[in-house]
Amino acid sequence: MESRCWLVALPATDGRLYVYRVYAPDDALPGDLFWEAWHCHDEGPHPRASDLFDAAEIQPLF
């Protein structure tokens, strides 16, 4: 199965969007991409990101 790079933007409490690259298969579920980015953000030093799936922007990087 081929892997692809996805961009996942998460809004945070400081009003910024934090964008993460997530490497996953072409048929990855949007929820899995969201949680991968959210956990990466949550482990970092940045302000809290929204854990609302609908607030995230997910796009494939071609």
C-alpha atoms as a PDB file:
ATOM      1  CA  MET A   1       0.000   0.000   0.000  1.00  0.00           C
ATOM      2  CA  GLU A   2       1.384   3.391  -0.990  1.00  0.00           C
ATOM      3  CA  SER A   3       1.912   6.098   1.609  1.00  0.00           C
ATOM      4  CA  ARG A   4       0.978   9.726   1.128  1.00  0.00           C
ATOM      5  CA  CYS A   5       1.675  12.949   2.962  1.00  0.00           C
ATOM      6  CA  TRP A   6      -1.355  14.736   4.388  1.00  0.00           C
ATOM      7  CA  LEU A   7      -1.541  18.249   5.820  1.00  0.00           C
ATOM      8  CA  VAL A   8      -3.669  18.549   8.941  1.00  0.00           C
ATOM      9  CA  ALA A   9      -4.348  22.044  10.306  1.00  0.00           C
ATOM     10  CA  LEU A  10      -5.506  22.320  13.913  1.00  0.00           C
ATOM     11  CA  PRO A  11      -6.832  25.546  15.463  1.00  0.00           C
ATOM     12  CA  ALA A  12      -5.382  26.304  18.897  1.00  0.00           C
ATOM     13  CA  THR A  13      -6.453  28.432  21.853  1.00  0.00           C
ATOM     14  CA  ASP A  14      -4.004  31.192  20.852  1.00  0.00           C
ATOM     15  CA  GLY A  15      -5.958  31.763  17.610  1.00  0.00           C
ATOM     16  CA  ARG A  16      -3.320  30.209  15.353  1.00  0.00           C
ATOM     17  CA  LEU A  17      -3.553  27.239  13.033  1.00  0.00           C
ATOM     18  CA  TYR A  18      -0.859  24.628  13.560  1.00  0.00           C
ATOM     19  CA  VAL A  19      -0.197  22.492  10.486  1.00  0.00           C
ATOM     20  CA  TYR A  20       1.243  18.987  10.684  1.00  0.00           C
ATOM     21  CA  ARG A  21       2.433  16.542   8.060  1.00  0.00           C
ATOM     22  CA  VAL A  22       0.990  13.102   8.576  1.00  0.00           C
ATOM     23  CA  TYR A  23       2.268  10.181   6.538  1.00  0.00           C
ATOM     24  CA  ALA A  24      -0.422   7.583   5.971  1.00  0.00           C
ATOM     25  CA  PRO A  25      -1.822   5.299   3.261  1.00  0.00           C
ATOM     26  CA  ASP A  26      -3.975   6.747   0.492  1.00  0.00           C
ATOM     27  CA  ASP A  27      -7.063   5.163   2.052  1.00  0.00           C
ATOM     28  CA  ALA A  28      -6.432   6.498   5.579  1.00  0.00           C
ATOM     29  CA  LEU A  29      -9.511   7.575   7.482  1.00  0.00           C
ATOM     30  CA  PRO A  30      -9.798  11.321   8.187  1.00  0.00           C
ATOM     31  CA  GLY A  31     -10.300  10.602  11.883  1.00  0.00           C
ATOM     32  CA  ASP A  32      -7.018   8.709  12.057  1.00  0.00           C
ATOM     33  CA  LEU A  33      -5.183  11.579  10.345  1.00  0.00           C
ATOM     34  CA  PHE A  34      -6.746  14.054  12.773  1.00  0.00           C
ATOM     35  CA  TRP A  35      -5.789  12.102  15.885  1.00  0.00           C
ATOM     36  CA  GLU A  36      -2.232  11.554  14.665  1.00  0.00           C
ATOM     37  CA  ALA A  37      -1.767  15.321  14.239  1.00  0.00           C
ATOM     38  CA  TRP A  38      -3.576  16.134  17.478  1.00  0.00           C
ATOM     39  CA  HIS A  39      -1.409  13.785  19.538  1.00  0.00           C
ATOM     40  CA  CYS A  40       1.718  15.217  17.935  1.00  0.00           C
ATOM     41  CA  HIS A  41       0.554  18.734  18.854  1.00  0.00           C
ATOM     42  CA  ASP A  42      -0.482  17.706  22.348  1.00  0.00           C
ATOM     43  CA  GLU A  43       3.016  16.374  23.092  1.00  0.00           C
ATOM     44  CA  GLY A  44       4.675  19.630  21.986  1.00  0.00           C
ATOM     45  CA  PRO A  45       5.124  23.000  23.712  1.00  0.00           C
ATOM     46  CA  HIS A  46       2.290  24.791  21.875  1.00  0.00           C
ATOM     47  CA  PRO A  47      -1.009  26.072  23.329  1.00  0.00           C
ATOM     48  CA  ARG A  48      -3.850  23.580  23.487  1.00  0.00           C
ATOM     49  CA  ALA A  49      -5.362  22.617  20.123  1.00  0.00           C
ATOM     50  CA  SER A  50      -9.046  22.017  19.584  1.00  0.00           C
ATOM     51  CA  ASP A  51      -9.968  18.362  19.843  1.00  0.00           C
ATOM     52  CA  LEU A  52     -13.043  18.904  17.653  1.00  0.00           C
ATOM     53  CA  PHE A  53     -12.686  16.898  14.458  1.00  0.00           C
ATOM     54  CA  ASP A  54     -14.862  19.329  12.493  1.00  0.00           C
ATOM     55  CA  ALA A  55     -12.470  22.194  13.285  1.00  0.00           C
ATOM     56  CA  ALA A  56      -9.528  20.505  11.543  1.00  0.00           C
ATOM     57  CA  GLU A  57      -8.636  21.003   7.889  1.00  0.00           C
ATOM     58  CA  ILE A  58      -7.234  17.902   6.163  1.00  0.00           C
ATOM     59  CA  GLN A  59      -5.711  17.975   2.679  1.00  0.00           C
ATOM     60  CA  PRO A  60      -3.518  15.583   0.730  1.00  0.00           C
ATOM     61  CA  LEU A  61      -0.128  16.986  -0.249  1.00  0.00           C
ATOM     62  CA  PHE A  62       0.496  16.123  -3.902  1.00  0.00           C
END
